[in-house]
Amino acid sequence: MSTFESSRWYSERVRCEVTLNRWGHSGQPVLVFPTAAGDAGEVDRFLMIRALEPLLSAGRIKVYSCDSVAGQAWFGKEGSPEHRMWMTHQFHQYVKHELVPAIRMDCKSEGIPIWATGASIGAFHAVAVTCRFPDMFHRALGMSGTYDLMKWIERPDPTDYYFVSSPMHFVPTLAGLHLDVLRTRHITLASGEGKWEDIGESFRMAKVLGSMGIPNWVDSWGKEWDHDWMTWRAKLPGYLDEWTQKPREKNEP
């Protein structure tokens, strides 16, 4: 059984109590963003931690998860549309200035690269923080992602706060060192084509990334895979297993 720790504090950036959960004792840190309005415990309740247990016990990964504060604002219809867009930006600032330092402190490494993943709305945040902060996040895996949240807001155009938070919007404006660093990262956009899935979201996101020379790959799981936790539990361990394989020595059979 993997080790578990939980910490909680008040964040001025998102103006509420926040939770950071961690499973595992060593290995590559992986930040899992919850779906929609989920919390830091969602990944455990839906048995993803159980699915990742072999990798956790082997010390190949450490899994971190946080509350989806921005998602709770969006899907709980908290405040005005402008407030919800502002909260998306603030949530990413909380990730940058609070979550990442907490993860690196837990790993006892000031500069350890972090991988980001999530499903549905969690995929939006995983891709967004990797594109916004490529010095911190070196890989992203978006599963069954929804990358344009404007369909859920009661206004026709994004505010500046949302624009800088939405990779569909801000990635085409990137330039200079930021873009150079992001071009050394990799983003995987994976999706089924079964019930409630829309792989078109992944292809649209990939087109934006590709137009800027950012390495990415759309991985279709096929029509038998639905937009559901059963799918994500089956798929995430395979990616993390592949990406954390120890390279073979030249003479090793």
Protein backbone atom coordinates (compact mmCIF):
# COMPACT_ATOMS: atom_id res chain seq x y z
CA MET A 1 0.00 0.00 0.00
CA SER A 2 1.45 3.38 -1.02
CA THR A 3 2.02 6.08 1.55
CA PHE A 4 -0.47 8.95 1.77
CA GLU A 5 -0.19 12.49 3.08
CA SER A 6 -2.58 15.43 2.95
CA SER A 7 -2.03 19.10 3.66
CA ARG A 8 -4.48 21.99 3.80
CA TRP A 9 -4.06 25.75 3.90
CA TYR A 10 -5.81 29.00 3.06
CA SER A 11 -4.88 30.43 -0.32
CA GLU A 12 -5.17 34.18 -0.79
CA ARG A 13 -4.98 33.67 -4.54
CA VAL A 14 -8.19 31.65 -4.78
CA ARG A 15 -9.67 32.97 -1.51
CA CYS A 16 -10.52 29.64 0.06
CA GLU A 17 -9.14 26.62 1.90
CA VAL A 18 -7.28 24.27 -0.44
CA THR A 19 -6.10 20.67 -0.14
CA LEU A 20 -3.09 18.91 -1.62
CA ASN A 21 -3.03 15.11 -1.42
CA ARG A 22 -0.01 12.94 -2.14
CA TRP A 23 0.34 9.19 -2.71
CA GLY A 24 3.67 7.41 -3.02
CA HIS A 25 7.13 7.71 -1.49
CA SER A 26 9.45 8.48 -4.41
CA GLY A 27 9.62 8.82 -8.18
CA GLN A 28 8.41 11.20 -10.87
CA PRO A 29 5.91 13.72 -9.47
CA VAL A 30 2.61 13.66 -11.37
CA LEU A 31 -0.04 16.32 -10.67
CA VAL A 32 -3.53 15.01 -11.43
CA PHE A 33 -6.18 17.69 -11.93
CA PRO A 34 -9.73 16.61 -10.99
CA THR A 35 -12.64 16.57 -13.42
CA ALA A 36 -15.04 19.54 -13.53
CA ALA A 37 -15.73 20.55 -9.92
CA GLY A 38 -13.90 17.64 -8.27
CA ASP A 39 -11.68 17.76 -5.21
CA ALA A 40 -8.27 16.44 -4.20
CA GLY A 41 -9.74 13.11 -3.11
CA GLU A 42 -11.62 12.38 -6.33
CA VAL A 43 -8.73 10.45 -7.88
CA ASP A 44 -8.78 8.05 -4.93
CA ARG A 45 -12.57 7.68 -4.67
CA PHE A 46 -12.77 6.71 -8.34
CA LEU A 47 -10.06 4.07 -7.80
CA MET A 48 -7.35 5.66 -9.94
CA ILE A 49 -4.87 5.35 -7.08
CA ARG A 50 -5.61 1.63 -6.91
CA ALA A 51 -4.92 1.37 -10.65
CA LEU A 52 -1.60 3.19 -10.19
CA GLU A 53 -0.58 1.19 -7.10
CA PRO A 54 2.10 -0.93 -8.86
CA LEU A 55 3.90 2.22 -10.07
CA LEU A 56 3.48 3.91 -6.68
CA SER A 57 4.77 0.93 -4.71
CA ALA A 58 7.75 0.58 -7.06
CA GLY A 59 8.75 4.19 -6.37
CA ARG A 60 8.40 5.17 -10.01
CA ILE A 61 5.79 7.91 -9.48
CA LYS A 62 4.37 10.13 -6.76
CA VAL A 63 0.81 11.28 -7.43
CA TYR A 64 -0.44 14.67 -6.25
CA SER A 65 -3.97 16.01 -6.56
CA CYS A 66 -5.63 19.29 -5.66
CA ASP A 67 -9.12 20.76 -5.41
CA SER A 68 -10.55 22.01 -8.70
CA VAL A 69 -11.27 25.47 -7.33
CA ALA A 70 -11.75 27.00 -10.78
CA GLY A 71 -14.04 24.16 -11.86
CA GLN A 72 -16.14 24.59 -8.73
CA ALA A 73 -16.60 28.25 -9.64
CA TRP A 74 -17.46 27.51 -13.29
CA PHE A 75 -19.88 24.67 -12.77
CA GLY A 76 -21.34 26.00 -9.55
CA LYS A 77 -22.07 29.26 -11.39
CA GLU A 78 -20.31 31.22 -8.65
CA GLY A 79 -20.49 34.96 -9.20
CA SER A 80 -20.47 36.67 -12.58
CA PRO A 81 -18.96 35.22 -15.76
CA GLU A 82 -16.12 37.69 -15.30
CA HIS A 83 -15.45 36.36 -11.79
CA ARG A 84 -15.29 32.78 -13.05
CA MET A 85 -12.84 33.73 -15.78
CA TRP A 86 -10.72 35.57 -13.23
CA MET A 87 -10.81 32.49 -11.01
CA THR A 88 -9.35 30.36 -13.80
CA HIS A 89 -6.34 32.67 -13.95
CA GLN A 90 -6.04 32.76 -10.17
CA PHE A 91 -6.20 28.96 -9.99
CA HIS A 92 -3.24 28.71 -12.33
CA GLN A 93 -1.36 31.28 -10.25
CA TYR A 94 -2.10 29.16 -7.18
CA VAL A 95 -0.66 26.14 -9.02
CA LYS A 96 2.48 28.08 -9.94
CA HIS A 97 3.16 29.85 -6.66
CA GLU A 98 1.76 27.38 -4.11
CA LEU A 99 1.28 23.87 -5.48
CA VAL A 100 4.53 23.57 -7.42
CA PRO A 101 6.68 24.80 -4.50
CA ALA A 102 4.82 22.41 -2.15
CA ILE A 103 5.41 19.48 -4.51
CA ARG A 104 9.08 20.33 -4.95
CA MET A 105 9.55 20.69 -1.21
CA ASP A 106 7.93 17.30 -0.68
CA CYS A 107 10.30 15.84 -3.31
CA LYS A 108 13.26 17.62 -1.67
CA SER A 109 14.25 19.09 -5.03
CA GLU A 110 13.93 22.78 -5.91
CA GLY A 111 13.86 22.21 -9.64
CA ILE A 112 12.36 18.78 -10.19
CA PRO A 113 10.19 18.74 -13.34
CA ILE A 114 6.52 17.87 -12.84
CA TRP A 115 4.14 16.07 -15.17
CA ALA A 116 0.52 17.19 -15.39
CA THR A 117 -2.50 15.11 -16.28
CA GLY A 118 -6.25 15.14 -15.94
CA ALA A 119 -9.45 14.04 -17.63
CA SER A 120 -12.23 16.18 -19.09
CA ILE A 121 -11.84 19.67 -17.54
CA GLY A 122 -8.77 18.33 -15.74
CA ALA A 123 -7.17 17.91 -19.16
CA PHE A 124 -7.76 21.62 -19.85
CA HIS A 125 -5.78 22.56 -16.74
CA ALA A 126 -3.02 20.01 -17.38
CA VAL A 127 -2.39 21.40 -20.85
CA ALA A 128 -2.85 25.01 -19.72
CA VAL A 129 -0.29 24.93 -16.90
CA THR A 130 2.23 23.11 -19.08
CA CYS A 131 1.89 25.76 -21.77
CA ARG A 132 1.90 28.64 -19.26
CA PHE A 133 4.73 27.34 -17.08
CA PRO A 134 6.96 25.08 -19.19
CA ASP A 135 9.88 25.69 -16.83
CA MET A 136 7.89 23.80 -14.18
CA PHE A 137 5.87 21.27 -16.18
CA HIS A 138 7.77 19.13 -18.68
CA ARG A 139 4.99 16.83 -19.89
CA ALA A 140 1.20 16.89 -20.09
CA LEU A 141 -1.36 14.18 -20.72
CA GLY A 142 -4.88 15.37 -21.42
CA MET A 143 -7.45 12.56 -21.37
CA SER A 144 -10.86 13.07 -22.99
CA GLY A 145 -10.11 16.76 -22.85
CA THR A 146 -12.41 19.75 -23.13
CA TYR A 147 -10.20 22.64 -24.23
CA ASP A 148 -12.71 25.41 -24.98
CA LEU A 149 -14.71 26.35 -21.89
CA MET A 150 -16.49 29.30 -23.54
CA LYS A 151 -19.51 27.08 -24.24
CA TRP A 152 -20.23 27.12 -20.49
CA ILE A 153 -20.05 30.85 -19.88
CA GLU A 154 -22.76 33.48 -20.32
CA ARG A 155 -20.81 35.90 -22.48
CA PRO A 156 -19.63 35.72 -26.09
CA ASP A 157 -16.00 36.72 -25.66
CA PRO A 158 -13.18 35.93 -23.21
CA THR A 159 -11.87 38.41 -20.69
CA ASP A 160 -8.14 39.10 -20.53
CA TYR A 161 -7.89 36.83 -17.48
CA TYR A 162 -9.45 33.92 -19.34
CA PHE A 163 -7.48 34.62 -22.52
CA VAL A 164 -4.15 34.15 -20.72
CA SER A 165 -5.48 30.98 -19.03
CA SER A 166 -6.91 29.17 -22.06
CA PRO A 167 -4.32 27.42 -24.27
CA MET A 168 -6.65 27.60 -27.27
CA HIS A 169 -6.43 31.38 -26.94
CA PHE A 170 -2.96 32.25 -25.62
CA VAL A 171 -0.73 29.65 -27.30
CA PRO A 172 -0.89 31.39 -30.73
CA THR A 173 0.49 34.55 -29.07
CA LEU A 174 3.57 32.92 -27.51
CA ALA A 175 7.05 33.97 -28.61
CA GLY A 176 10.64 34.23 -27.45
CA LEU A 177 12.20 32.15 -24.69
CA HIS A 178 8.82 30.98 -23.37
CA LEU A 179 7.98 29.39 -26.71
CA ASP A 180 11.50 28.01 -27.11
CA VAL A 181 11.22 26.19 -23.78
CA LEU A 182 7.70 24.93 -24.53
CA ARG A 183 8.97 23.45 -27.80
CA THR A 184 11.19 21.13 -25.75
CA ARG A 185 8.18 19.71 -23.87
CA HIS A 186 5.59 17.18 -25.02
CA ILE A 187 1.80 17.16 -24.79
CA THR A 188 -0.27 14.02 -25.37
CA LEU A 189 -3.96 14.51 -26.15
CA ALA A 190 -5.74 11.18 -25.72
CA SER A 191 -9.42 10.44 -26.14
CA GLY A 192 -11.91 7.72 -26.78
CA GLU A 193 -14.58 7.97 -29.45
CA GLY A 194 -17.39 6.30 -27.54
CA LYS A 195 -20.27 7.77 -25.53
CA TRP A 196 -19.91 11.39 -24.39
CA GLU A 197 -16.49 11.73 -26.04
CA ASP A 198 -15.50 14.41 -28.55
CA ILE A 199 -12.06 13.67 -29.94
CA GLY A 200 -12.50 16.75 -32.12
CA GLU A 201 -11.57 18.83 -29.05
CA SER A 202 -8.19 17.08 -28.98
CA PHE A 203 -7.58 17.59 -32.69
CA ARG A 204 -8.44 21.29 -32.43
CA MET A 205 -6.04 21.70 -29.51
CA ALA A 206 -3.37 19.76 -31.40
CA LYS A 207 -3.76 22.04 -34.42
CA VAL A 208 -3.07 25.09 -32.25
CA LEU A 209 -0.04 23.45 -30.63
CA GLY A 210 1.30 22.17 -33.93
CA SER A 211 0.98 25.57 -35.58
CA MET A 212 3.46 26.86 -32.99
CA GLY A 213 5.89 23.97 -33.30
CA ILE A 214 4.98 22.48 -29.91
CA PRO A 215 5.43 18.67 -29.86
CA ASN A 216 2.12 16.90 -29.42
CA TRP A 217 0.32 13.70 -30.27
CA VAL A 218 -3.36 12.83 -30.52
CA ASP A 219 -3.95 9.26 -29.35
CA SER A 220 -7.35 7.80 -30.24
CA TRP A 221 -8.51 4.93 -28.04
CA GLY A 222 -11.31 4.00 -30.41
CA LYS A 223 -15.08 3.79 -30.27
CA GLU A 224 -15.21 1.23 -27.45
CA TRP A 225 -13.90 3.74 -24.90
CA ASP A 226 -16.37 6.18 -23.30
CA HIS A 227 -15.95 9.44 -21.40
CA ASP A 228 -15.81 7.72 -18.03
CA TRP A 229 -13.57 6.86 -15.09
CA MET A 230 -13.43 3.21 -16.20
CA THR A 231 -11.64 4.41 -19.33
CA TRP A 232 -9.21 6.71 -17.55
CA ARG A 233 -8.34 4.08 -14.95
CA ALA A 234 -7.53 1.66 -17.75
CA LYS A 235 -5.43 4.11 -19.75
CA LEU A 236 -3.40 6.35 -17.40
CA PRO A 237 -1.24 3.57 -15.87
CA GLY A 238 -0.04 2.54 -19.34
CA TYR A 239 1.26 6.00 -20.22
CA LEU A 240 3.00 6.48 -16.88
CA ASP A 241 4.49 2.99 -17.06
CA GLU A 242 5.92 3.68 -20.51
CA TRP A 243 7.25 7.11 -19.61
CA THR A 244 8.98 5.95 -16.43
CA GLN A 245 10.67 2.89 -17.92
CA LYS A 246 14.35 2.73 -17.02
CA PRO A 247 16.47 3.08 -20.20
CA ARG A 248 18.31 -0.10 -21.08
CA GLU A 249 22.10 -0.20 -21.05
CA LYS A 250 23.72 -0.66 -24.46
CA ASN A 251 24.76 -4.27 -23.81
CA GLU A 252 21.63 -5.24 -21.89
CA PRO A 253 19.55 -7.95 -23.65
